[in-house]
Amino acid sequence: MTESTRRTVFLGAGGAGLAAVLTACASYGVPTTEAGLDAGAQAPAEEEPAAKAAEQKGGGSKRKALADTADIPEGGGKVFKNRKVVVTQPAAGEFKAFSAVCTHAGCTVTSVSNGTINCPCHGSKFNIEDGSVANGPAGAPLEEMPITVDGEKIRLA
């Protein structure tokens, strides 16, 4: 009888451990919220309200500008979370745009630093020049988005 009780306890404890592991794995790939970002991570950049208001006053003949060229730092970039786009300036006057959706698990990238576009979910990094993978686990580059630069305004084409 004691042997049966020991087996039951052992199997019960193993089953509880397995349940805990499976529960932890169930959250794999869930995007990190802004509240859950690391202290060192940058929150995604958004369009300034003043820029939005100025664009609305300008009329409807052109597409709404994502940003002014001055808003995109040389050697860096800015994430537009609400549009799911990241705009970079790899070299002076050269602007590129990519999808802000990580090709690994579909999370939205949140920052641009040290020449890479960074995903908070699993650490994937993409080059600001061409969206190629600089550090996995992502295996595919970010999709390039067509943009136009008209004077000081950057717009999706």
Protein backbone atom coordinates (compact mmCIF):
# COMPACT_ATOMS: atom_id res chain seq x y z
CA MET A 1 0.00 0.00 0.00
CA THR A 2 2.88 2.37 0.79
CA GLU A 3 4.43 1.68 -2.63
CA SER A 4 1.20 2.64 -4.38
CA THR A 5 0.97 5.89 -2.40
CA ARG A 6 4.56 6.86 -3.25
CA ARG A 7 3.93 6.25 -6.96
CA THR A 8 0.76 8.30 -6.84
CA VAL A 9 2.55 11.22 -5.17
CA PHE A 10 5.47 11.03 -7.60
CA LEU A 11 3.22 10.93 -10.68
CA GLY A 12 1.05 13.73 -9.30
CA ALA A 13 4.09 15.96 -8.74
CA GLY A 14 5.42 15.18 -12.23
CA GLY A 15 2.05 16.01 -13.76
CA ALA A 16 1.92 19.33 -11.91
CA GLY A 17 5.41 20.20 -13.14
CA LEU A 18 4.46 19.36 -16.70
CA ALA A 19 1.36 21.55 -16.44
CA ALA A 20 3.50 24.47 -15.23
CA VAL A 21 5.91 24.08 -18.16
CA LEU A 22 3.10 23.89 -20.71
CA THR A 23 1.45 26.99 -19.24
CA ALA A 24 4.72 28.93 -19.51
CA CYS A 25 5.16 27.83 -23.13
CA ALA A 26 1.63 28.93 -24.01
CA SER A 27 2.73 32.58 -23.87
CA TYR A 28 5.59 32.02 -26.37
CA GLY A 29 5.32 34.52 -29.20
CA VAL A 30 2.86 36.84 -27.47
CA PRO A 31 3.91 40.45 -28.18
CA THR A 32 5.29 42.43 -25.29
CA THR A 33 3.13 45.34 -24.20
CA GLU A 34 4.55 48.77 -23.54
CA ALA A 35 4.06 48.23 -19.81
CA GLY A 36 6.10 45.04 -20.03
CA LEU A 37 9.13 46.56 -21.77
CA ASP A 38 12.49 46.29 -20.09
CA ALA A 39 13.64 49.42 -18.31
CA GLY A 40 16.33 49.91 -20.96
CA ALA A 41 14.01 49.45 -23.94
CA GLN A 42 12.67 52.45 -25.77
CA ALA A 43 8.95 52.88 -26.18
CA PRO A 44 7.84 53.10 -29.80
CA ALA A 45 7.95 56.52 -31.36
CA GLU A 46 4.63 57.96 -32.49
CA GLU A 47 3.66 60.87 -34.70
CA GLU A 48 3.53 64.18 -32.89
CA PRO A 49 0.01 65.66 -32.52
CA ALA A 50 1.24 68.98 -33.98
CA ALA A 51 2.48 67.18 -37.10
CA LYS A 52 -0.89 65.42 -37.45
CA ALA A 53 -2.81 68.70 -37.15
CA ALA A 54 -0.54 70.50 -39.63
CA GLU A 55 -0.96 67.67 -42.15
CA GLN A 56 -4.76 67.75 -41.84
CA LYS A 57 -4.80 71.50 -42.55
CA GLY A 58 -2.69 71.01 -45.66
CA GLY A 59 -5.54 69.50 -47.70
CA GLY A 60 -6.29 66.05 -48.99
CA SER A 61 -4.49 66.05 -52.35
CA LYS A 62 -1.44 64.21 -51.00
CA ARG A 63 -1.14 61.20 -48.73
CA LYS A 64 -0.66 61.98 -45.08
CA ALA A 65 3.01 62.38 -44.19
CA LEU A 66 4.57 59.86 -41.83
CA ALA A 67 7.19 62.32 -40.66
CA ASP A 68 9.41 65.25 -41.50
CA THR A 69 12.88 64.32 -42.72
CA ALA A 70 14.28 66.12 -39.65
CA ASP A 71 12.40 63.65 -37.38
CA ILE A 72 14.47 60.67 -38.60
CA PRO A 73 17.99 60.67 -37.13
CA GLU A 74 20.92 59.90 -39.42
CA GLY A 75 22.15 56.37 -38.68
CA GLY A 76 18.89 55.61 -36.87
CA GLY A 77 15.17 55.62 -37.37
CA LYS A 78 11.72 55.95 -35.91
CA VAL A 79 8.92 53.41 -35.39
CA PHE A 80 5.35 54.42 -36.26
CA LYS A 81 3.45 51.78 -34.29
CA ASN A 82 -0.01 52.95 -35.38
CA ARG A 83 0.98 52.58 -39.07
CA LYS A 84 3.15 49.44 -38.50
CA VAL A 85 6.05 51.11 -40.32
CA VAL A 86 9.61 51.95 -39.35
CA VAL A 87 11.51 54.66 -41.25
CA THR A 88 15.31 54.75 -41.19
CA GLN A 89 18.04 57.06 -42.46
CA PRO A 90 21.11 54.85 -42.99
CA ALA A 91 23.09 57.71 -44.58
CA ALA A 92 22.48 61.46 -44.80
CA GLY A 93 19.45 62.12 -47.01
CA GLU A 94 18.79 58.41 -47.70
CA PHE A 95 15.47 57.25 -46.26
CA LYS A 96 14.12 53.69 -46.14
CA ALA A 97 10.89 52.24 -44.78
CA PHE A 98 10.10 48.72 -43.63
CA SER A 99 7.19 46.86 -42.12
CA ALA A 100 7.35 47.11 -38.33
CA VAL A 101 6.06 43.52 -38.02
CA CYS A 102 8.84 41.10 -37.06
CA THR A 103 9.13 38.16 -39.43
CA HIS A 104 9.76 35.72 -36.57
CA ALA A 105 6.57 35.79 -34.52
CA GLY A 106 4.61 38.80 -35.74
CA CYS A 107 5.48 41.14 -32.88
CA THR A 108 5.85 44.86 -33.59
CA VAL A 109 9.40 46.21 -33.45
CA THR A 110 9.79 48.94 -30.85
CA SER A 111 13.11 50.72 -31.31
CA VAL A 112 15.96 51.63 -33.62
CA SER A 113 19.45 51.84 -32.13
CA ASN A 114 23.06 51.05 -32.98
CA GLY A 115 22.22 50.52 -36.66
CA THR A 116 19.46 47.97 -36.05
CA ILE A 117 15.68 47.79 -35.85
CA ASN A 118 14.88 45.85 -32.66
CA CYS A 119 12.10 43.45 -31.76
CA PRO A 120 11.42 43.04 -28.01
CA CYS A 121 9.76 39.62 -28.17
CA HIS A 122 12.70 37.32 -28.89
CA GLY A 123 15.62 39.66 -29.61
CA SER A 124 15.57 39.73 -33.41
CA LYS A 125 17.47 42.65 -34.96
CA PHE A 126 17.30 43.94 -38.52
CA ASN A 127 19.74 46.18 -40.43
CA ILE A 128 18.54 49.75 -41.02
CA GLU A 129 20.02 49.75 -44.55
CA ASP A 130 17.99 46.92 -46.08
CA GLY A 131 15.88 45.26 -43.34
CA SER A 132 18.01 42.09 -43.48
CA VAL A 133 18.38 39.96 -40.35
CA ALA A 134 21.31 41.10 -38.19
CA ASN A 135 20.47 38.78 -35.26
CA GLY A 136 17.92 35.94 -35.10
CA PRO A 137 15.75 34.11 -34.35
CA ALA A 138 14.05 35.82 -37.33
CA GLY A 139 15.03 34.09 -40.55
CA ALA A 140 13.59 36.53 -43.09
CA PRO A 141 14.15 40.28 -43.60
CA LEU A 142 11.58 42.96 -42.85
CA GLU A 143 9.41 43.79 -45.86
CA GLU A 144 10.51 47.03 -47.52
CA MET A 145 7.75 49.62 -47.86
CA PRO A 146 7.75 52.14 -50.73
CA ILE A 147 8.04 55.77 -49.62
CA THR A 148 8.40 59.15 -51.25
CA VAL A 149 10.35 62.08 -49.92
CA ASP A 150 8.73 65.32 -51.04
CA GLY A 151 10.68 68.32 -49.72
CA GLU A 152 10.74 67.80 -45.97
CA LYS A 153 7.91 65.25 -45.85
CA ILE A 154 8.17 61.44 -45.90
CA ARG A 155 5.07 59.62 -47.14
CA LEU A 156 4.12 56.03 -47.87
CA ALA A 157 3.90 55.66 -51.66
